Amino acid sequence: SSGSSGSSSSSSGMEILQFSKNQLYGTISSSMIENLSNLKVLDLSHNTLSGTLPSNLFWHLTNLRILDLRTNNLYGTIPSEITNLSKKLDILRLDSNEFTGSLPSSLFE
């Protein structure tokens, strides 16, 4: 539970969520950001987040310009749904994690 108040169906006007260089740990879940459809910057770099990236995470972040998840303990494959971001995404930082596989080629089209 996020501890936030208000309607869970409403969308937040927040555009920047920056929690880099903290001591955040745990997994990233789509429920954390499902009401942040206006988000343009998501920076969770330099933490100790772990687990895989949920594929439905990228359905909510359609306005994202910068996604920075570098220097965490994330692993697994990068979901093909990340291509949903490619129309607006300017910066994608996933380095210094334990991802396997390849990026979907459609991300570069």
PDB file of N, CA and C in Angstrom:
ATOM      1  N   SER A   1       0.850  -1.191   0.000  1.00  0.00           N
ATOM      2  CA  SER A   1       0.000   0.000   0.000  1.00  0.00           C
ATOM      3  C   SER A   1       0.879   1.231   0.000  1.00  0.00           C
ATOM      4  N   SER A   2       0.515   2.180  -0.819  1.00  0.00           N
ATOM      5  CA  SER A   2       1.347   3.372  -0.968  1.00  0.00           C
ATOM      6  C   SER A   2       1.083   4.411   0.106  1.00  0.00           C
ATOM      7  N   GLY A   3      -0.041   4.288   0.774  1.00  0.00           N
ATOM      8  CA  GLY A   3      -0.353   5.243   1.825  1.00  0.00           C
ATOM      9  C   GLY A   3      -0.878   6.555   1.297  1.00  0.00           C
ATOM     10  N   SER A   4      -1.131   6.651   0.002  1.00  0.00           N
ATOM     11  CA  SER A   4      -1.636   7.892  -0.555  1.00  0.00           C
ATOM     12  C   SER A   4      -3.143   7.962  -0.420  1.00  0.00           C
ATOM     13  N   SER A   5      -3.666   9.159  -0.447  1.00  0.00           N
ATOM     14  CA  SER A   5      -5.098   9.330  -0.319  1.00  0.00           C
ATOM     15  C   SER A   5      -5.686   9.752  -1.648  1.00  0.00           C
ATOM     16  N   GLY A   6      -6.977   9.689  -1.755  1.00  0.00           N
ATOM     17  CA  GLY A   6      -7.651  10.119  -2.969  1.00  0.00           C
ATOM     18  C   GLY A   6      -8.073   8.938  -3.807  1.00  0.00           C
ATOM     19  N   SER A   7      -8.688   9.233  -4.912  1.00  0.00           N
ATOM     20  CA  SER A   7      -9.207   8.209  -5.802  1.00  0.00           C
ATOM     21  C   SER A   7      -8.071   7.503  -6.530  1.00  0.00           C
ATOM     22  N   SER A   8      -8.124   6.183  -6.560  1.00  0.00           N
ATOM     23  CA  SER A   8      -7.075   5.435  -7.229  1.00  0.00           C
ATOM     24  C   SER A   8      -7.250   5.466  -8.738  1.00  0.00           C
ATOM     25  N   SER A   9      -8.391   5.921  -9.214  1.00  0.00           N
ATOM     26  CA  SER A   9      -8.611   5.954 -10.651  1.00  0.00           C
ATOM     27  C   SER A   9      -8.200   7.292 -11.270  1.00  0.00           C
ATOM     28  N   SER A  10      -7.871   8.272 -10.457  1.00  0.00           N
ATOM     29  CA  SER A  10      -7.483   9.572 -10.991  1.00  0.00           C
ATOM     30  C   SER A  10      -6.020   9.558 -11.399  1.00  0.00           C
ATOM     31  N   SER A  11      -5.682  10.436 -12.323  1.00  0.00           N
ATOM     32  CA  SER A  11      -4.317  10.532 -12.806  1.00  0.00           C
ATOM     33  C   SER A  11      -3.638  11.729 -12.156  1.00  0.00           C
ATOM     34  N   SER A  12      -2.418  11.517 -11.699  1.00  0.00           N
ATOM     35  CA  SER A  12      -1.648  12.593 -11.096  1.00  0.00           C
ATOM     36  C   SER A  12      -1.056  13.483 -12.191  1.00  0.00           C
ATOM     37  N   GLY A  13      -0.915  14.768 -11.894  1.00  0.00           N
ATOM     38  CA  GLY A  13      -0.289  15.690 -12.828  1.00  0.00           C
ATOM     39  C   GLY A  13       1.224  15.677 -12.728  1.00  0.00           C
ATOM     40  N   MET A  14       1.773  14.852 -11.848  1.00  0.00           N
ATOM     41  CA  MET A  14       3.220  14.807 -11.642  1.00  0.00           C
ATOM     42  C   MET A  14       3.941  14.447 -12.929  1.00  0.00           C
ATOM     43  N   GLU A  15       5.016  15.196 -13.246  1.00  0.00           N
ATOM     44  CA  GLU A  15       5.773  14.951 -14.461  1.00  0.00           C
ATOM     45  C   GLU A  15       7.169  14.413 -14.198  1.00  0.00           C
ATOM     46  N   ILE A  16       7.704  14.626 -13.002  1.00  0.00           N
ATOM     47  CA  ILE A  16       9.057  14.171 -12.676  1.00  0.00           C
ATOM     48  C   ILE A  16       9.021  13.404 -11.364  1.00  0.00           C
ATOM     49  N   LEU A  17       9.568  12.195 -11.393  1.00  0.00           N
ATOM     50  CA  LEU A  17       9.714  11.393 -10.185  1.00  0.00           C
ATOM     51  C   LEU A  17      11.177  10.993 -10.112  1.00  0.00           C
ATOM     52  N   GLN A  18      11.916  11.638  -9.217  1.00  0.00           N
ATOM     53  CA  GLN A  18      13.361  11.437  -9.140  1.00  0.00           C
ATOM     54  C   GLN A  18      13.744  11.010  -7.731  1.00  0.00           C
ATOM     55  N   PHE A  19      14.168   9.756  -7.626  1.00  0.00           N
ATOM     56  CA  PHE A  19      14.617   9.208  -6.348  1.00  0.00           C
ATOM     57  C   PHE A  19      15.990   8.567  -6.505  1.00  0.00           C
ATOM     58  N   SER A  20      16.858   9.184  -7.306  1.00  0.00           N
ATOM     59  CA  SER A  20      18.185   8.622  -7.512  1.00  0.00           C
ATOM     60  C   SER A  20      19.047   8.804  -6.260  1.00  0.00           C
ATOM     61  N   LYS A  21      19.996   7.898  -6.113  1.00  0.00           N
ATOM     62  CA  LYS A  21      20.985   7.934  -5.030  1.00  0.00           C
ATOM     63  C   LYS A  21      20.344   7.971  -3.650  1.00  0.00           C
ATOM     64  N   ASN A  22      19.373   7.112  -3.451  1.00  0.00           N
ATOM     65  CA  ASN A  22      18.773   6.895  -2.144  1.00  0.00           C
ATOM     66  C   ASN A  22      19.085   5.467  -1.739  1.00  0.00           C
ATOM     67  N   GLN A  23      18.398   4.983  -0.785  1.00  0.00           N
ATOM     68  CA  GLN A  23      18.609   3.605  -0.361  1.00  0.00           C
ATOM     69  C   GLN A  23      17.325   2.810  -0.574  1.00  0.00           C
ATOM     70  N   LEU A  24      16.675   3.057  -1.712  1.00  0.00           N
ATOM     71  CA  LEU A  24      15.446   2.342  -2.036  1.00  0.00           C
ATOM     72  C   LEU A  24      15.763   0.890  -2.349  1.00  0.00           C
ATOM     73  N   TYR A  25      14.919   0.004  -1.888  1.00  0.00           N
ATOM     74  CA  TYR A  25      15.100  -1.416  -2.177  1.00  0.00           C
ATOM     75  C   TYR A  25      13.737  -2.047  -2.400  1.00  0.00           C
ATOM     76  N   GLY A  26      13.752  -3.254  -2.893  1.00  0.00           N
ATOM     77  CA  GLY A  26      12.512  -3.953  -3.212  1.00  0.00           C
ATOM     78  C   GLY A  26      12.330  -4.011  -4.716  1.00  0.00           C
ATOM     79  N   THR A  27      11.127  -4.358  -5.135  1.00  0.00           N
ATOM     80  CA  THR A  27      10.849  -4.515  -6.555  1.00  0.00           C
ATOM     81  C   THR A  27      10.076  -3.320  -7.095  1.00  0.00           C
ATOM     82  N   ILE A  28      10.081  -3.184  -8.401  1.00  0.00           N
ATOM     83  CA  ILE A  28       9.289  -2.155  -9.073  1.00  0.00           C
ATOM     84  C   ILE A  28       7.988  -2.812  -9.512  1.00  0.00           C
ATOM     85  N   SER A  29       6.873  -2.261  -9.086  1.00  0.00           N
ATOM     86  CA  SER A  29       5.587  -2.807  -9.515  1.00  0.00           C
ATOM     87  C   SER A  29       4.825  -1.745 -10.295  1.00  0.00           C
ATOM     88  N   SER A  30       4.014  -2.195 -11.227  1.00  0.00           N
ATOM     89  CA  SER A  30       3.253  -1.243 -12.039  1.00  0.00           C
ATOM     90  C   SER A  30       2.250  -0.477 -11.192  1.00  0.00           C
ATOM     91  N   SER A  31       1.810  -1.047 -10.071  1.00  0.00           N
ATOM     92  CA  SER A  31       0.850  -0.345  -9.216  1.00  0.00           C
ATOM     93  C   SER A  31       1.463   0.908  -8.597  1.00  0.00           C
ATOM     94  N   MET A  32       2.794   0.961  -8.516  1.00  0.00           N
ATOM     95  CA  MET A  32       3.475   2.135  -7.977  1.00  0.00           C
ATOM     96  C   MET A  32       3.277   3.352  -8.864  1.00  0.00           C
ATOM     97  N   ILE A  33       3.156   3.133 -10.167  1.00  0.00           N
ATOM     98  CA  ILE A  33       3.138   4.260 -11.096  1.00  0.00           C
ATOM     99  C   ILE A  33       1.901   4.284 -11.987  1.00  0.00           C
ATOM    100  N   GLU A  34       0.932   3.425 -11.719  1.00  0.00           N
ATOM    101  CA  GLU A  34      -0.208   3.318 -12.646  1.00  0.00           C
ATOM    102  C   GLU A  34      -1.024   4.603 -12.762  1.00  0.00           C
ATOM    103  N   ASN A  35      -0.975   5.477 -11.765  1.00  0.00           N
ATOM    104  CA  ASN A  35      -1.709   6.741 -11.825  1.00  0.00           C
ATOM    105  C   ASN A  35      -0.834   7.914 -12.248  1.00  0.00           C
ATOM    106  N   LEU A  36       0.355   7.618 -12.738  1.00  0.00           N
ATOM    107  CA  LEU A  36       1.301   8.672 -13.114  1.00  0.00           C
ATOM    108  C   LEU A  36       1.471   8.737 -14.630  1.00  0.00           C
ATOM    109  N   SER A  37       0.368   8.745 -15.342  1.00  0.00           N
ATOM    110  CA  SER A  37       0.429   8.713 -16.808  1.00  0.00           C
ATOM    111  C   SER A  37       1.027   9.989 -17.402  1.00  0.00           C
ATOM    112  N   ASN A  38       1.090  11.076 -16.638  1.00  0.00           N
ATOM    113  CA  ASN A  38       1.695  12.320 -17.121  1.00  0.00           C
ATOM    114  C   ASN A  38       3.207  12.360 -16.911  1.00  0.00           C
ATOM    115  N   LEU A  39       3.755  11.331 -16.287  1.00  0.00           N
ATOM    116  CA  LEU A  39       5.173  11.309 -15.943  1.00  0.00           C
ATOM    117  C   LEU A  39       6.042  11.415 -17.199  1.00  0.00           C
ATOM    118  N   LYS A  40       7.006  12.343 -17.162  1.00  0.00           N
ATOM    119  CA  LYS A  40       7.955  12.513 -18.263  1.00  0.00           C
ATOM    120  C   LYS A  40       9.347  12.034 -17.887  1.00  0.00           C
ATOM    121  N   VAL A  41       9.666  12.050 -16.592  1.00  0.00           N
ATOM    122  CA  VAL A  41      10.973  11.619 -16.102  1.00  0.00           C
ATOM    123  C   VAL A  41      10.772  10.649 -14.947  1.00  0.00           C
ATOM    124  N   LEU A  42      11.327   9.440 -15.071  1.00  0.00           N
ATOM    125  CA  LEU A  42      11.344   8.468 -13.982  1.00  0.00           C
ATOM    126  C   LEU A  42      12.791   8.090 -13.747  1.00  0.00           C
ATOM    127  N   ASP A  43      13.343   8.546 -12.629  1.00  0.00           N
ATOM    128  CA  ASP A  43      14.745   8.312 -12.302  1.00  0.00           C
ATOM    129  C   ASP A  43      14.819   7.596 -10.953  1.00  0.00           C
ATOM    130  N   LEU A  44      15.095   6.308 -11.019  1.00  0.00           N
ATOM    131  CA  LEU A  44      15.270   5.490  -9.814  1.00  0.00           C
ATOM    132  C   LEU A  44      16.688   4.924  -9.777  1.00  0.00           C
ATOM    133  N   SER A  45      17.616   5.629 -10.411  1.00  0.00           N
ATOM    134  CA  SER A  45      18.988   5.146 -10.538  1.00  0.00           C
ATOM    135  C   SER A  45      19.738   5.169  -9.209  1.00  0.00           C
ATOM    136  N   HIS A  46      20.794   4.351  -9.152  1.00  0.00           N
ATOM    137  CA  HIS A  46      21.705   4.307  -8.005  1.00  0.00           C
ATOM    138  C   HIS A  46      20.977   3.973  -6.707  1.00  0.00           C
ATOM    139  N   ASN A  47      20.182   2.918  -6.738  1.00  0.00           N
ATOM    140  CA  ASN A  47      19.514   2.380  -5.554  1.00  0.00           C
ATOM    141  C   ASN A  47      19.813   0.888  -5.486  1.00  0.00           C
ATOM    142  N   THR A  48      19.089   0.158  -4.709  1.00  0.00           N
ATOM    143  CA  THR A  48      19.259  -1.297  -4.655  1.00  0.00           C
ATOM    144  C   THR A  48      17.947  -1.996  -4.985  1.00  0.00           C
ATOM    145  N   LEU A  49      17.249  -1.473  -5.986  1.00  0.00           N
ATOM    146  CA  LEU A  49      16.022  -2.108  -6.444  1.00  0.00           C
ATOM    147  C   LEU A  49      16.370  -3.441  -7.094  1.00  0.00           C
ATOM    148  N   SER A  50      15.511  -4.425  -6.936  1.00  0.00           N
ATOM    149  CA  SER A  50      15.797  -5.755  -7.462  1.00  0.00           C
ATOM    150  C   SER A  50      14.564  -6.326  -8.153  1.00  0.00           C
ATOM    151  N   GLY A  51      14.726  -7.490  -8.727  1.00  0.00           N
ATOM    152  CA  GLY A  51      13.615  -8.150  -9.405  1.00  0.00           C
ATOM    153  C   GLY A  51      13.599  -7.844 -10.890  1.00  0.00           C
ATOM    154  N   THR A  52      12.528  -8.269 -11.531  1.00  0.00           N
ATOM    155  CA  THR A  52      12.371  -8.057 -12.959  1.00  0.00           C
ATOM    156  C   THR A  52      11.485  -6.844 -13.212  1.00  0.00           C
ATOM    157  N   LEU A  53      11.524  -6.345 -14.429  1.00  0.00           N
ATOM    158  CA  LEU A  53      10.650  -5.234 -14.814  1.00  0.00           C
ATOM    159  C   LEU A  53       9.301  -5.825 -15.251  1.00  0.00           C
ATOM    160  N   PRO A  54       8.211  -5.438 -14.604  1.00  0.00           N
ATOM    161  CA  PRO A  54       6.909  -5.956 -15.028  1.00  0.00           C
ATOM    162  C   PRO A  54       6.538  -5.420 -16.406  1.00  0.00           C
ATOM    163  N   SER A  55       6.044  -6.293 -17.270  1.00  0.00           N
ATOM    164  CA  SER A  55       5.755  -5.879 -18.648  1.00  0.00           C
ATOM    165  C   SER A  55       4.681  -4.801 -18.716  1.00  0.00           C
ATOM    166  N   ASN A  56       3.722  -4.825 -17.792  1.00  0.00           N
ATOM    167  CA  ASN A  56       2.645  -3.820 -17.837  1.00  0.00           C
ATOM    168  C   ASN A  56       3.093  -2.462 -17.316  1.00  0.00           C
ATOM    169  N   LEU A  57       4.307  -2.359 -16.805  1.00  0.00           N
ATOM    170  CA  LEU A  57       4.854  -1.083 -16.352  1.00  0.00           C
ATOM    171  C   LEU A  57       4.834  -0.058 -17.479  1.00  0.00           C
ATOM    172  N   PHE A  58       5.122  -0.508 -18.677  1.00  0.00           N
ATOM    173  CA  PHE A  58       5.297   0.401 -19.805  1.00  0.00           C
ATOM    174  C   PHE A  58       3.982   0.818 -20.456  1.00  0.00           C
ATOM    175  N   TRP A  59       2.877   0.209 -20.080  1.00  0.00           N
ATOM    176  CA  TRP A  59       1.573   0.630 -20.595  1.00  0.00           C
ATOM    177  C   TRP A  59       1.132   1.929 -19.940  1.00  0.00           C
ATOM    178  N   HIS A  60       1.594   2.197 -18.727  1.00  0.00           N
ATOM    179  CA  HIS A  60       1.165   3.367 -17.969  1.00  0.00           C
ATOM    180  C   HIS A  60       1.992   4.611 -18.277  1.00  0.00           C
ATOM    181  N   LEU A  61       3.199   4.442 -18.759  1.00  0.00           N
ATOM    182  CA  LEU A  61       4.148   5.550 -18.886  1.00  0.00           C
ATOM    183  C   LEU A  61       4.268   6.044 -20.326  1.00  0.00           C
ATOM    184  N   THR A  62       3.162   6.318 -20.963  1.00  0.00           N
ATOM    185  CA  THR A  62       3.168   6.639 -22.393  1.00  0.00           C
ATOM    186  C   THR A  62       3.745   8.015 -22.712  1.00  0.00           C
ATOM    187  N   ASN A  63       3.893   8.895 -21.723  1.00  0.00           N
ATOM    188  CA  ASN A  63       4.467  10.223 -21.961  1.00  0.00           C
ATOM    189  C   ASN A  63       5.925  10.336 -21.522  1.00  0.00           C
ATOM    190  N   LEU A  64       6.517   9.216 -21.132  1.00  0.00           N
ATOM    191  CA  LEU A  64       7.866   9.223 -20.578  1.00  0.00           C
ATOM    192  C   LEU A  64       8.901   9.659 -21.609  1.00  0.00           C
ATOM    193  N   ARG A  65       9.774  10.581 -21.211  1.00  0.00           N
ATOM    194  CA  ARG A  65      10.876  11.055 -22.053  1.00  0.00           C
ATOM    195  C   ARG A  65      12.217  10.503 -21.567  1.00  0.00           C
ATOM    196  N   ILE A  66      12.333  10.317 -20.236  1.00  0.00           N
ATOM    197  CA  ILE A  66      13.576   9.817 -19.639  1.00  0.00           C
ATOM    198  C   ILE A  66      13.247   8.688 -18.668  1.00  0.00           C
ATOM    199  N   LEU A  67      13.870   7.533 -18.884  1.00  0.00           N
ATOM    200  CA  LEU A  67      13.762   6.401 -17.967  1.00  0.00           C
ATOM    201  C   LEU A  67      15.163   6.022 -17.546  1.00  0.00           C
ATOM    202  N   ASP A  68      15.483   6.224 -16.275  1.00  0.00           N
ATOM    203  CA  ASP A  68      16.819   5.948 -15.757  1.00  0.00           C
ATOM    204  C   ASP A  68      16.710   4.969 -14.598  1.00  0.00           C
ATOM    205  N   LEU A  69      17.084   3.725 -14.856  1.00  0.00           N
ATOM    206  CA  LEU A  69      17.062   2.678 -13.836  1.00  0.00           C
ATOM    207  C   LEU A  69      18.459   2.100 -13.625  1.00  0.00           C
ATOM    208  N   ARG A  70      19.486   2.822 -14.064  1.00  0.00           N
ATOM    209  CA  ARG A  70      20.853   2.299 -13.981  1.00  0.00           C
ATOM    210  C   ARG A  70      21.299   2.104 -12.538  1.00  0.00           C
ATOM    211  N   THR A  71      22.286   1.239 -12.388  1.00  0.00           N
ATOM    212  CA  THR A  71      22.944   0.977 -11.110  1.00  0.00           C
ATOM    213  C   THR A  71      21.940   0.549 -10.038  1.00  0.00           C
ATOM    214  N   ASN A  72      21.264  -0.553 -10.322  1.00  0.00           N
ATOM    215  CA  ASN A  72      20.394  -1.233  -9.377  1.00  0.00           C
ATOM    216  C   ASN A  72      20.729  -2.715  -9.444  1.00  0.00           C
ATOM    217  N   ASN A  73      19.862  -3.554  -8.920  1.00  0.00           N
ATOM    218  CA  ASN A  73      20.057  -5.001  -8.967  1.00  0.00           C
ATOM    219  C   ASN A  73      18.941  -5.661  -9.766  1.00  0.00           C
ATOM    220  N   LEU A  74      18.489  -4.982 -10.816  1.00  0.00           N
ATOM    221  CA  LEU A  74      17.415  -5.517 -11.649  1.00  0.00           C
ATOM    222  C   LEU A  74      17.962  -6.623 -12.548  1.00  0.00           C
ATOM    223  N   TYR A  75      17.120  -7.605 -12.870  1.00  0.00           N
ATOM    224  CA  TYR A  75      17.574  -8.744 -13.669  1.00  0.00           C
ATOM    225  C   TYR A  75      16.447  -9.253 -14.557  1.00  0.00           C
ATOM    226  N   GLY A  76      16.768 -10.251 -15.345  1.00  0.00           N
ATOM    227  CA  GLY A  76      15.797 -10.845 -16.254  1.00  0.00           C
ATOM    228  C   GLY A  76      15.838 -10.174 -17.612  1.00  0.00           C
ATOM    229  N   THR A  77      14.865 -10.497 -18.433  1.00  0.00           N
ATOM    230  CA  THR A  77      14.817  -9.896 -19.763  1.00  0.00           C
ATOM    231  C   THR A  77      14.107  -8.548 -19.711  1.00  0.00           C
ATOM    232  N   ILE A  78      14.397  -7.723 -20.666  1.00  0.00           N
ATOM    233  CA  ILE A  78      13.723  -6.430 -20.789  1.00  0.00           C
ATOM    234  C   ILE A  78      12.449  -6.667 -21.597  1.00  0.00           C
ATOM    235  N   PRO A  79      11.294  -6.394 -21.012  1.00  0.00           N
ATOM    236  CA  PRO A  79      10.027  -6.724 -21.686  1.00  0.00           C
ATOM    237  C   PRO A  79       9.886  -6.031 -23.039  1.00  0.00           C
ATOM    238  N   SER A  80       9.310  -6.733 -24.000  1.00  0.00           N
ATOM    239  CA  SER A  80       9.110  -6.152 -25.338  1.00  0.00           C
ATOM    240  C   SER A  80       8.166  -4.953 -25.279  1.00  0.00           C
ATOM    241  N   GLU A  81       7.362  -4.862 -24.241  1.00  0.00           N
ATOM    242  CA  GLU A  81       6.443  -3.731 -24.084  1.00  0.00           C
ATOM    243  C   GLU A  81       7.168  -2.404 -23.914  1.00  0.00           C
ATOM    244  N   ILE A  82       8.470  -2.447 -23.700  1.00  0.00           N
ATOM    245  CA  ILE A  82       9.241  -1.206 -23.582  1.00  0.00           C
ATOM    246  C   ILE A  82       9.142  -0.404 -24.882  1.00  0.00           C
ATOM    247  N   THR A  83       8.805  -1.058 -25.976  1.00  0.00           N
ATOM    248  CA  THR A  83       8.674  -0.351 -27.255  1.00  0.00           C
ATOM    249  C   THR A  83       7.490   0.613 -27.241  1.00  0.00           C
ATOM    250  N   ASN A  84       6.560   0.468 -26.278  1.00  0.00           N
ATOM    251  CA  ASN A  84       5.464   1.425 -26.149  1.00  0.00           C
ATOM    252  C   ASN A  84       5.985   2.825 -25.829  1.00  0.00           C
ATOM    253  N   LEU A  85       7.204   2.902 -25.304  1.00  0.00           N
ATOM    254  CA  LEU A  85       7.797   4.179 -24.928  1.00  0.00           C
ATOM    255  C   LEU A  85       8.573   4.834 -26.065  1.00  0.00           C
ATOM    256  N   SER A  86       8.876   4.089 -27.092  1.00  0.00           N
ATOM    257  CA  SER A  86       9.871   4.530 -28.065  1.00  0.00           C
ATOM    258  C   SER A  86       9.484   5.787 -28.845  1.00  0.00           C
ATOM    259  N   LYS A  87       8.212   6.115 -28.922  1.00  0.00           N
ATOM    260  CA  LYS A  87       7.819   7.293 -29.691  1.00  0.00           C
ATOM    261  C   LYS A  87       8.273   8.594 -29.035  1.00  0.00           C
ATOM    262  N   LYS A  88       8.294   8.642 -27.716  1.00  0.00           N
ATOM    263  CA  LYS A  88       8.648   9.877 -27.009  1.00  0.00           C
ATOM    264  C   LYS A  88       9.955   9.772 -26.228  1.00  0.00           C
ATOM    265  N   LEU A  89      10.433   8.562 -25.993  1.00  0.00           N
ATOM    266  CA  LEU A  89      11.590   8.355 -25.129  1.00  0.00           C
ATOM    267  C   LEU A  89      12.855   8.947 -25.737  1.00  0.00           C
ATOM    268  N   ASP A  90      13.522   9.820 -24.977  1.00  0.00           N
ATOM    269  CA  ASP A  90      14.775  10.431 -25.402  1.00  0.00           C
ATOM    270  C   ASP A  90      15.980   9.746 -24.763  1.00  0.00           C
ATOM    271  N   ILE A  91      15.841   9.354 -23.496  1.00  0.00           N
ATOM    272  CA  ILE A  91      16.960   8.762 -22.758  1.00  0.00           C
ATOM    273  C   ILE A  91      16.485   7.495 -22.070  1.00  0.00           C
ATOM    274  N   LEU A  92      17.216   6.404 -22.301  1.00  0.00           N
ATOM    275  CA  LEU A  92      16.954   5.119 -21.654  1.00  0.00           C
ATOM    276  C   LEU A  92      18.253   4.642 -21.047  1.00  0.00           C
ATOM    277  N   ARG A  93      18.323   4.594 -19.722  1.00  0.00           N
ATOM    278  CA  ARG A  93      19.536   4.146 -19.018  1.00  0.00           C
ATOM    279  C   ARG A  93      19.184   2.906 -18.200  1.00  0.00           C
ATOM    280  N   LEU A  94      19.717   1.776 -18.609  1.00  0.00           N
ATOM    281  CA  LEU A  94      19.490   0.513 -17.908  1.00  0.00           C
ATOM    282  C   LEU A  94      20.808  -0.150 -17.513  1.00  0.00           C
ATOM    283  N   ASP A  95      21.915   0.550 -17.715  1.00  0.00           N
ATOM    284  CA  ASP A  95      23.228  -0.044 -17.473  1.00  0.00           C
ATOM    285  C   ASP A  95      23.467  -0.329 -15.997  1.00  0.00           C
ATOM    286  N   SER A  96      24.451  -1.164 -15.735  1.00  0.00           N
ATOM    287  CA  SER A  96      24.845  -1.564 -14.377  1.00  0.00           C
ATOM    288  C   SER A  96      23.711  -2.261 -13.631  1.00  0.00           C
ATOM    289  N   ASN A  97      23.057  -3.177 -14.334  1.00  0.00           N
ATOM    290  CA  ASN A  97      22.082  -4.099 -13.773  1.00  0.00           C
ATOM    291  C   ASN A  97      22.475  -5.490 -14.243  1.00  0.00           C
ATOM    292  N   GLU A  98      21.618  -6.451 -14.057  1.00  0.00           N
ATOM    293  CA  GLU A  98      21.919  -7.829 -14.446  1.00  0.00           C
ATOM    294  C   GLU A  98      20.941  -8.334 -15.503  1.00  0.00           C
ATOM    295  N   PHE A  99      20.538  -7.468 -16.444  1.00  0.00           N
ATOM    296  CA  PHE A  99      19.596  -7.866 -17.483  1.00  0.00           C
ATOM    297  C   PHE A  99      20.233  -8.886 -18.421  1.00  0.00           C
ATOM    298  N   THR A 100      19.391  -9.738 -18.997  1.00  0.00           N
ATOM    299  CA  THR A 100      19.841 -10.732 -19.969  1.00  0.00           C
ATOM    300  C   THR A 100      19.034 -10.564 -21.247  1.00  0.00           C
ATOM    301  N   GLY A 101      19.523 -11.148 -22.317  1.00  0.00           N
ATOM    302  CA  GLY A 101      18.812 -11.069 -23.585  1.00  0.00           C
ATOM    303  C   GLY A 101      19.155  -9.795 -24.328  1.00  0.00           C
ATOM    304  N   SER A 102      18.276  -9.420 -25.244  1.00  0.00           N
ATOM    305  CA  SER A 102      18.537  -8.248 -26.071  1.00  0.00           C
ATOM    306  C   SER A 102      17.363  -7.294 -26.008  1.00  0.00           C
ATOM    307  N   LEU A 103      17.611  -6.072 -26.450  1.00  0.00           N
ATOM    308  CA  LEU A 103      16.537  -5.077 -26.540  1.00  0.00           C
ATOM    309  C   LEU A 103      15.722  -5.358 -27.800  1.00  0.00           C
ATOM    310  N   PRO A 104      14.415  -5.149 -27.745  1.00  0.00           N
ATOM    311  CA  PRO A 104      13.602  -5.335 -28.956  1.00  0.00           C
ATOM    312  C   PRO A 104      14.074  -4.390 -30.061  1.00  0.00           C
ATOM    313  N   SER A 105      14.257  -4.911 -31.270  1.00  0.00           N
ATOM    314  CA  SER A 105      14.769  -4.092 -32.371  1.00  0.00           C
ATOM    315  C   SER A 105      13.829  -2.936 -32.708  1.00  0.00           C
ATOM    316  N   SER A 106      12.534  -3.111 -32.450  1.00  0.00           N
ATOM    317  CA  SER A 106      11.569  -2.044 -32.757  1.00  0.00           C
ATOM    318  C   SER A 106      11.769  -0.812 -31.879  1.00  0.00           C
ATOM    319  N   LEU A 107      12.541  -0.938 -30.811  1.00  0.00           N
ATOM    320  CA  LEU A 107      12.833   0.206 -29.953  1.00  0.00           C
ATOM    321  C   LEU A 107      13.665   1.247 -30.704  1.00  0.00           C
ATOM    322  N   PHE A 108      14.390   0.808 -31.729  1.00  0.00           N
ATOM    323  CA  PHE A 108      15.313   1.692 -32.444  1.00  0.00           C
ATOM    324  C   PHE A 108      14.759   2.174 -33.774  1.00  0.00           C
ATOM    325  N   GLU A 109      13.505   1.893 -34.041  1.00  0.00           N
ATOM    326  CA  GLU A 109      12.912   2.303 -35.320  1.00  0.00           C
ATOM    327  C   GLU A 109      12.344   3.692 -35.251  1.00  0.00           C
TER     328      GLU A 109
END
